[in-house]
Amino acid sequence: MAVTYRLYREGHLDRTDLDAGHIGELLEDPKAMLWVDVESPTQQDLAMLGEQFGFHELALEDCLHPHQRPKVEQYETYFFLVAYGVSFTDGKLAAHELSAFVSRRYLVTVRKDPVFDLSEVVARWEAHGELTEEGGGYLLYVLLDEVVDGYFDALDQLEDSTEVIEELVFETPAEQSRRRRETGRDEEESVVDVQSRIFEFKKQLLQFRRWVAPLRDVLDVMQRRTVDVVTPPLEAYYRDVYDHVLRATDFLDSIRDILSSALEAHLAVVSNRLNEIMKSLTSWAAIILIPTLIAGLYGMNFANMPELHWRFGYLYALGVMFGSMFLLYRAFKRRGWL
């Protein structure tokens, strides 16, 4: 648990050595712009926020309980919103849930485990401190912009993983054999592995979209300016973030379509390989059938069978067997069945 304070005055960082006791008097100062960050919140932390800022108890309750739906709620003098940062590590997506209370005079962020890294956000605040005069709306813009930028980093890595899956789908038989030797898996396990990876990625993309898509509605509500948070100079910034969210959503849908196509292609490749195997087995069965039929005929115990007492009957039967096998082999080979 950690609580961080940053006080801005007239576009410059003024103090960081604050505590909860200073919040009340700072909210009375028209030149003060306050950021309070609560990491891994406890009940006591949220009680302090409720006492000092007067936040609604239902919003504070949402800050304490994880897995909230991304949303924005409008109160009399502030917005309360929930958003998710996303990272992609070791082939898995991780969500970083954060909540924010924002008004013209302050920004309060609450970060749940695993916490979203705010170091880049703070660095951008300091690099463009003059815009902090626009109030909490600017601080929130930078925060949301970094969150959305993280979406594209995760999407780029997901796209790279999707390309790997596409390569697995269209592997040549030689490449598949080499991979099976390296992994120690048989062909059936390799097929199941590719399918399971595709389904796993599609599941992650679906969850990713649930984190990203509602942010469009959040930004849309805030730009209506029913609460004085997004000032006219900030409107262009929020439109830019809104556009990035739309791009991220489209990117997600494109990757999902690619995975769906890869799955269909994989099933088609497996079906084609099964057809090739069946053609090969059918060809060999036909080749073996003719000699078996001939041997069966000559194995019947009748006294007056043709060639039964012929001196060259045995060689004749073998010749017919091997000749028919050779002709069938050439015919199937010419058609590419063997």
Protein backbone atom coordinates (compact mmCIF):
# COMPACT_ATOMS: atom_id res chain seq x y z
CA MET A 1 0.00 0.00 0.00
CA ALA A 2 1.32 3.46 -0.92
CA VAL A 3 -0.22 6.89 -1.30
CA THR A 4 1.52 9.49 -3.49
CA TYR A 5 0.77 13.23 -3.65
CA ARG A 6 1.77 15.83 -6.25
CA LEU A 7 0.70 19.46 -6.03
CA TYR A 8 0.85 21.71 -9.11
CA ARG A 9 0.55 25.51 -9.05
CA GLU A 10 0.39 27.67 -12.16
CA GLY A 11 1.74 24.88 -14.38
CA HIS A 12 4.63 23.84 -12.14
CA LEU A 13 5.17 21.06 -9.62
CA ASP A 14 5.05 22.74 -6.22
CA ARG A 15 5.15 20.00 -3.56
CA THR A 16 5.16 16.24 -3.10
CA ASP A 17 5.58 16.12 0.69
CA LEU A 18 1.88 16.16 1.51
CA ASP A 19 -0.41 14.03 3.57
CA ALA A 20 -4.15 13.55 3.90
CA GLY A 21 -4.41 16.44 6.35
CA HIS A 22 -3.51 18.97 3.64
CA ILE A 23 -6.17 17.90 1.14
CA GLY A 24 -9.02 19.95 2.59
CA GLU A 25 -7.17 23.27 2.54
CA LEU A 26 -5.72 22.59 -0.95
CA LEU A 27 -9.20 22.03 -2.36
CA GLU A 28 -10.03 25.54 -1.15
CA ASP A 29 -7.05 27.01 -3.06
CA PRO A 30 -8.17 28.06 -6.60
CA LYS A 31 -4.58 27.91 -7.89
CA ALA A 32 -3.89 24.38 -6.64
CA MET A 33 -4.07 21.31 -8.86
CA LEU A 34 -3.74 18.06 -6.88
CA TRP A 35 -2.94 14.51 -7.87
CA VAL A 36 -3.39 11.73 -5.31
CA ASP A 37 -2.46 8.16 -6.21
CA VAL A 38 -3.39 5.13 -4.10
CA GLU A 39 -1.59 1.89 -4.91
CA SER A 40 -3.07 -1.43 -3.74
CA PRO A 41 -5.88 0.31 -1.80
CA THR A 42 -7.11 -0.69 1.63
CA GLN A 43 -10.40 0.09 3.32
CA GLN A 44 -8.65 2.80 5.38
CA ASP A 45 -7.27 4.48 2.23
CA LEU A 46 -10.70 4.65 0.65
CA ALA A 47 -12.26 5.91 3.85
CA MET A 48 -9.70 8.74 3.81
CA LEU A 49 -10.63 9.61 0.21
CA GLY A 50 -14.31 9.62 1.06
CA GLU A 51 -13.73 11.88 4.03
CA GLN A 52 -11.42 14.38 2.30
CA PHE A 53 -13.00 14.53 -1.17
CA GLY A 54 -16.59 13.52 -0.43
CA PHE A 55 -16.65 10.73 -3.01
CA HIS A 56 -19.78 8.61 -3.24
CA GLU A 57 -19.63 5.38 -1.25
CA LEU A 58 -20.62 3.23 -4.24
CA ALA A 59 -17.73 4.59 -6.30
CA LEU A 60 -15.35 3.92 -3.41
CA GLU A 61 -16.69 0.40 -3.14
CA ASP A 62 -15.90 -0.17 -6.82
CA CYS A 63 -12.34 0.96 -6.13
CA LEU A 64 -11.93 -1.77 -3.53
CA HIS A 65 -13.41 -4.74 -5.36
CA PRO A 66 -11.52 -6.03 -8.44
CA HIS A 67 -12.79 -6.95 -11.92
CA GLN A 68 -15.03 -3.95 -12.41
CA ARG A 69 -16.47 -3.29 -15.84
CA PRO A 70 -14.80 -0.37 -17.71
CA LYS A 71 -17.19 2.54 -17.28
CA VAL A 72 -17.70 6.20 -16.48
CA GLU A 73 -20.13 7.63 -13.96
CA GLN A 74 -20.98 11.29 -13.63
CA TYR A 75 -21.46 12.93 -10.26
CA GLU A 76 -22.24 16.53 -9.44
CA THR A 77 -18.69 17.89 -9.59
CA TYR A 78 -16.55 15.01 -10.84
CA PHE A 79 -16.35 11.93 -13.02
CA PHE A 80 -15.59 8.45 -11.75
CA LEU A 81 -14.20 6.03 -14.30
CA VAL A 82 -12.71 2.55 -14.46
CA ALA A 83 -10.21 1.58 -17.16
CA TYR A 84 -7.71 -1.19 -17.81
CA GLY A 85 -4.12 -1.06 -18.87
CA VAL A 86 -2.99 -4.14 -20.77
CA SER A 87 0.41 -5.82 -21.10
CA PHE A 88 1.51 -8.96 -22.93
CA THR A 89 4.21 -11.10 -21.33
CA ASP A 90 5.17 -14.76 -21.80
CA GLY A 91 2.33 -15.31 -24.25
CA LYS A 92 -0.33 -14.08 -21.80
CA LEU A 93 -2.33 -10.89 -21.53
CA ALA A 94 -2.36 -9.17 -18.15
CA ALA A 95 -4.87 -6.50 -17.13
CA HIS A 96 -4.00 -3.60 -14.82
CA GLU A 97 -7.19 -2.22 -13.34
CA LEU A 98 -7.27 1.41 -12.34
CA SER A 99 -9.98 3.77 -11.16
CA ALA A 100 -9.96 7.56 -11.29
CA PHE A 101 -11.86 10.46 -9.81
CA VAL A 102 -11.38 13.59 -11.86
CA SER A 103 -12.60 17.14 -11.54
CA ARG A 104 -11.34 20.55 -12.57
CA ARG A 105 -9.19 20.73 -9.42
CA TYR A 106 -7.85 17.25 -8.86
CA LEU A 107 -7.16 13.77 -10.15
CA VAL A 108 -7.33 10.81 -7.79
CA THR A 109 -6.12 7.45 -9.13
CA VAL A 110 -6.57 4.08 -7.46
CA ARG A 111 -4.46 1.22 -8.84
CA LYS A 112 -5.17 -2.41 -8.02
CA ASP A 113 -2.72 -5.29 -8.27
CA PRO A 114 -1.00 -5.84 -10.63
CA VAL A 115 -0.50 -2.09 -10.65
CA PHE A 116 -0.22 -0.03 -13.83
CA ASP A 117 3.15 1.73 -14.11
CA LEU A 118 2.71 5.51 -13.95
CA SER A 119 6.37 6.53 -14.39
CA GLU A 120 5.87 7.58 -18.04
CA VAL A 121 2.69 9.43 -17.09
CA VAL A 122 4.49 11.45 -14.43
CA ALA A 123 7.37 12.18 -16.82
CA ARG A 124 4.94 13.61 -19.39
CA TRP A 125 3.23 15.73 -16.75
CA GLU A 126 6.58 17.26 -15.87
CA ALA A 127 7.59 17.74 -19.52
CA HIS A 128 4.41 19.71 -20.28
CA GLY A 129 3.64 21.21 -16.91
CA GLU A 130 2.03 24.32 -18.42
CA LEU A 131 -0.99 22.25 -19.44
CA THR A 132 -1.65 21.27 -15.85
CA GLU A 133 -3.36 24.67 -15.62
CA GLU A 134 -6.19 23.00 -17.55
CA GLY A 135 -6.86 20.97 -14.42
CA GLY A 136 -7.48 17.31 -13.77
CA GLY A 137 -8.71 16.82 -17.32
CA TYR A 138 -5.17 17.19 -18.65
CA LEU A 139 -3.71 14.82 -16.08
CA LEU A 140 -6.37 12.27 -16.98
CA TYR A 141 -5.71 12.72 -20.70
CA VAL A 142 -2.04 11.81 -20.27
CA LEU A 143 -2.99 8.81 -18.15
CA LEU A 144 -5.51 7.54 -20.71
CA ASP A 145 -3.10 8.21 -23.57
CA GLU A 146 -0.45 6.03 -21.92
CA VAL A 147 -3.04 3.32 -21.27
CA VAL A 148 -4.08 3.30 -24.93
CA ASP A 149 -0.45 3.36 -26.12
CA GLY A 150 0.03 0.21 -24.06
CA TYR A 151 -2.79 -1.39 -26.06
CA PHE A 152 -0.79 -1.00 -29.26
CA ASP A 153 2.35 -2.46 -27.67
CA ALA A 154 0.35 -5.53 -26.61
CA LEU A 155 -1.34 -5.75 -30.01
CA ASP A 156 2.01 -5.67 -31.81
CA GLN A 157 3.19 -8.61 -29.74
CA LEU A 158 -0.09 -10.43 -30.34
CA GLU A 159 0.33 -9.87 -34.07
CA ASP A 160 3.84 -11.37 -33.91
CA SER A 161 2.44 -14.42 -32.11
CA THR A 162 -0.30 -14.67 -34.73
CA GLU A 163 2.31 -14.75 -37.49
CA VAL A 164 4.04 -17.63 -35.70
CA ILE A 165 0.74 -19.53 -35.65
CA GLU A 166 0.25 -18.86 -39.36
CA GLU A 167 3.70 -20.30 -40.04
CA LEU A 168 2.79 -23.42 -38.06
CA VAL A 169 -0.43 -23.82 -40.06
CA PHE A 170 1.35 -23.74 -43.41
CA GLU A 171 4.43 -25.78 -42.49
CA THR A 172 5.70 -28.22 -45.08
CA PRO A 173 5.77 -31.94 -44.12
CA ALA A 174 9.56 -31.73 -43.72
CA GLU A 175 9.28 -28.75 -41.36
CA GLN A 176 6.58 -30.52 -39.38
CA SER A 177 8.72 -33.63 -39.00
CA ARG A 178 11.66 -31.56 -37.80
CA ARG A 179 9.49 -29.70 -35.29
CA ARG A 180 8.01 -32.96 -33.98
CA ARG A 181 11.51 -34.32 -33.46
CA GLU A 182 12.54 -31.16 -31.61
CA THR A 183 9.45 -31.11 -29.39
CA GLY A 184 9.15 -34.89 -28.99
CA ARG A 185 5.47 -34.83 -29.99
CA ASP A 186 3.72 -37.08 -32.45
CA GLU A 187 1.60 -35.74 -35.34
CA GLU A 188 -1.70 -35.85 -33.48
CA GLU A 189 -0.27 -33.88 -30.55
CA SER A 190 1.14 -31.29 -32.97
CA VAL A 191 -2.26 -30.81 -34.62
CA VAL A 192 -3.96 -30.40 -31.24
CA ASP A 193 -1.24 -27.98 -30.11
CA VAL A 194 -1.82 -25.64 -33.06
CA GLN A 195 -5.59 -25.72 -32.56
CA SER A 196 -5.32 -25.08 -28.83
CA ARG A 197 -2.99 -22.12 -29.41
CA ILE A 198 -5.44 -20.59 -31.88
CA PHE A 199 -8.37 -21.03 -29.50
CA GLU A 200 -6.33 -19.64 -26.60
CA PHE A 201 -5.39 -16.52 -28.57
CA LYS A 202 -8.98 -16.00 -29.72
CA LYS A 203 -10.08 -16.22 -26.09
CA GLN A 204 -7.48 -13.65 -25.05
CA LEU A 205 -8.50 -11.32 -27.88
CA LEU A 206 -12.12 -11.52 -26.76
CA GLN A 207 -11.13 -10.55 -23.24
CA PHE A 208 -8.87 -7.80 -24.59
CA ARG A 209 -11.81 -6.35 -26.52
CA ARG A 210 -13.92 -6.30 -23.35
CA TRP A 211 -11.25 -4.13 -21.75
CA VAL A 212 -10.78 -1.79 -24.70
CA ALA A 213 -14.17 -1.27 -26.37
CA PRO A 214 -16.00 0.37 -23.38
CA LEU A 215 -13.32 3.06 -23.25
CA ARG A 216 -14.93 4.58 -26.36
CA ASP A 217 -18.09 5.26 -24.36
CA VAL A 218 -16.04 6.66 -21.48
CA LEU A 219 -14.36 9.22 -23.73
CA ASP A 220 -17.60 10.04 -25.51
CA VAL A 221 -19.35 10.87 -22.22
CA MET A 222 -16.47 13.01 -21.00
CA GLN A 223 -16.33 15.07 -24.19
CA ARG A 224 -19.93 16.21 -23.72
CA ARG A 225 -18.60 18.55 -21.01
CA THR A 226 -21.60 18.24 -18.73
CA VAL A 227 -19.00 18.44 -15.95
CA ASP A 228 -16.29 21.06 -16.36
CA VAL A 229 -13.37 18.63 -16.74
CA VAL A 230 -12.56 18.53 -20.47
CA THR A 231 -11.92 22.20 -21.21
CA PRO A 232 -11.99 23.54 -24.82
CA PRO A 233 -8.16 23.38 -25.19
CA LEU A 234 -8.29 19.68 -24.18
CA GLU A 235 -10.97 18.65 -26.64
CA ALA A 236 -8.48 17.92 -29.42
CA TYR A 237 -6.41 15.76 -27.07
CA TYR A 238 -9.40 13.69 -26.04
CA ARG A 239 -10.47 13.28 -29.67
CA ASP A 240 -7.00 11.96 -30.40
CA VAL A 241 -7.27 9.35 -27.63
CA TYR A 242 -10.76 8.46 -28.85
CA ASP A 243 -9.36 7.91 -32.35
CA HIS A 244 -6.59 5.70 -30.94
CA VAL A 245 -9.14 3.59 -29.09
CA LEU A 246 -11.05 3.09 -32.35
CA ARG A 247 -7.83 2.08 -34.10
CA ALA A 248 -6.99 -0.35 -31.32
CA THR A 249 -10.46 -1.89 -31.59
CA ASP A 250 -10.11 -2.24 -35.36
CA PHE A 251 -6.65 -3.75 -34.88
CA LEU A 252 -8.11 -6.27 -32.45
CA ASP A 253 -10.84 -7.24 -34.89
CA SER A 254 -8.29 -7.65 -37.68
CA ILE A 255 -6.14 -9.99 -35.59
CA ARG A 256 -9.23 -11.96 -34.58
CA ASP A 257 -10.22 -12.31 -38.26
CA ILE A 258 -6.71 -13.47 -39.11
CA LEU A 259 -6.89 -16.11 -36.38
CA SER A 260 -10.29 -17.26 -37.61
CA SER A 261 -8.88 -17.58 -41.12
CA ALA A 262 -5.84 -19.42 -39.74
CA LEU A 263 -8.12 -21.85 -37.92
CA GLU A 264 -10.13 -22.48 -41.08
CA ALA A 265 -6.93 -22.93 -43.07
CA HIS A 266 -5.57 -25.28 -40.43
CA LEU A 267 -8.69 -27.43 -40.55
CA ALA A 268 -8.52 -27.42 -44.36
CA VAL A 269 -4.85 -28.46 -44.30
CA VAL A 270 -5.59 -31.25 -41.82
CA SER A 271 -8.51 -32.40 -43.99
CA ASN A 272 -6.35 -32.36 -47.12
CA ARG A 273 -3.62 -34.33 -45.39
CA LEU A 274 -6.20 -36.86 -44.22
CA ASN A 275 -7.43 -37.15 -47.81
CA GLU A 276 -3.88 -37.76 -49.00
CA ILE A 277 -3.42 -40.45 -46.39
CA MET A 278 -6.71 -42.08 -47.31
CA LYS A 279 -5.79 -42.04 -51.02
CA SER A 280 -2.46 -43.65 -50.23
CA LEU A 281 -4.02 -46.32 -48.02
CA THR A 282 -6.72 -47.00 -50.62
CA SER A 283 -4.10 -47.35 -53.35
CA TRP A 284 -2.04 -49.84 -51.38
CA ALA A 285 -5.17 -51.75 -50.45
CA ALA A 286 -6.10 -52.03 -54.14
CA ILE A 287 -2.58 -53.14 -55.05
CA ILE A 288 -2.68 -55.88 -52.43
CA LEU A 289 -6.26 -56.87 -53.28
CA ILE A 290 -5.53 -58.26 -56.80
CA PRO A 291 -2.74 -60.68 -55.71
CA THR A 292 -4.87 -61.73 -52.76
CA LEU A 293 -7.77 -62.44 -55.11
CA ILE A 294 -5.56 -64.48 -57.45
CA ALA A 295 -4.01 -66.40 -54.58
CA GLY A 296 -7.49 -67.07 -53.21
CA LEU A 297 -8.67 -68.45 -56.53
CA TYR A 298 -5.73 -70.78 -56.89
CA GLY A 299 -6.07 -71.84 -53.28
CA MET A 300 -9.50 -73.40 -53.85
CA ASN A 301 -9.48 -77.20 -53.56
CA PHE A 302 -11.21 -78.29 -56.77
CA ALA A 303 -9.90 -81.27 -58.80
CA ASN A 304 -10.52 -79.85 -62.28
CA MET A 305 -9.11 -76.33 -61.97
CA PRO A 306 -7.29 -74.87 -65.04
CA GLU A 307 -3.49 -74.84 -64.82
CA LEU A 308 -3.66 -77.04 -61.71
CA HIS A 309 -1.30 -79.61 -63.22
CA TRP A 310 0.46 -77.24 -65.61
CA ARG A 311 4.22 -77.21 -65.21
CA PHE A 312 4.43 -73.37 -65.33
CA GLY A 313 1.22 -72.69 -63.38
CA TYR A 314 3.00 -71.43 -60.27
CA LEU A 315 5.23 -69.01 -62.18
CA TYR A 316 2.25 -67.91 -64.26
CA ALA A 317 0.24 -67.08 -61.11
CA LEU A 318 3.14 -65.14 -59.61
CA GLY A 319 3.61 -63.25 -62.86
CA VAL A 320 -0.03 -62.25 -62.98
CA MET A 321 0.16 -61.09 -59.35
CA PHE A 322 3.28 -58.97 -59.74
CA GLY A 323 2.19 -57.69 -63.13
CA SER A 324 -1.13 -56.47 -61.81
CA MET A 325 0.56 -54.91 -58.80
CA PHE A 326 3.02 -53.08 -61.04
CA LEU A 327 0.29 -51.76 -63.35
CA LEU A 328 -1.81 -50.53 -60.42
CA TYR A 329 1.23 -48.93 -58.79
CA ARG A 330 2.06 -47.02 -61.98
CA ALA A 331 -1.54 -45.90 -62.39
CA PHE A 332 -1.81 -44.59 -58.81
CA LYS A 333 1.63 -43.03 -58.96
CA ARG A 334 0.73 -41.15 -62.15
CA ARG A 335 -2.33 -39.69 -60.40
CA GLY A 336 -0.27 -38.62 -57.39
CA TRP A 337 -1.96 -40.99 -54.96
CA LEU A 338 1.33 -42.58 -53.94
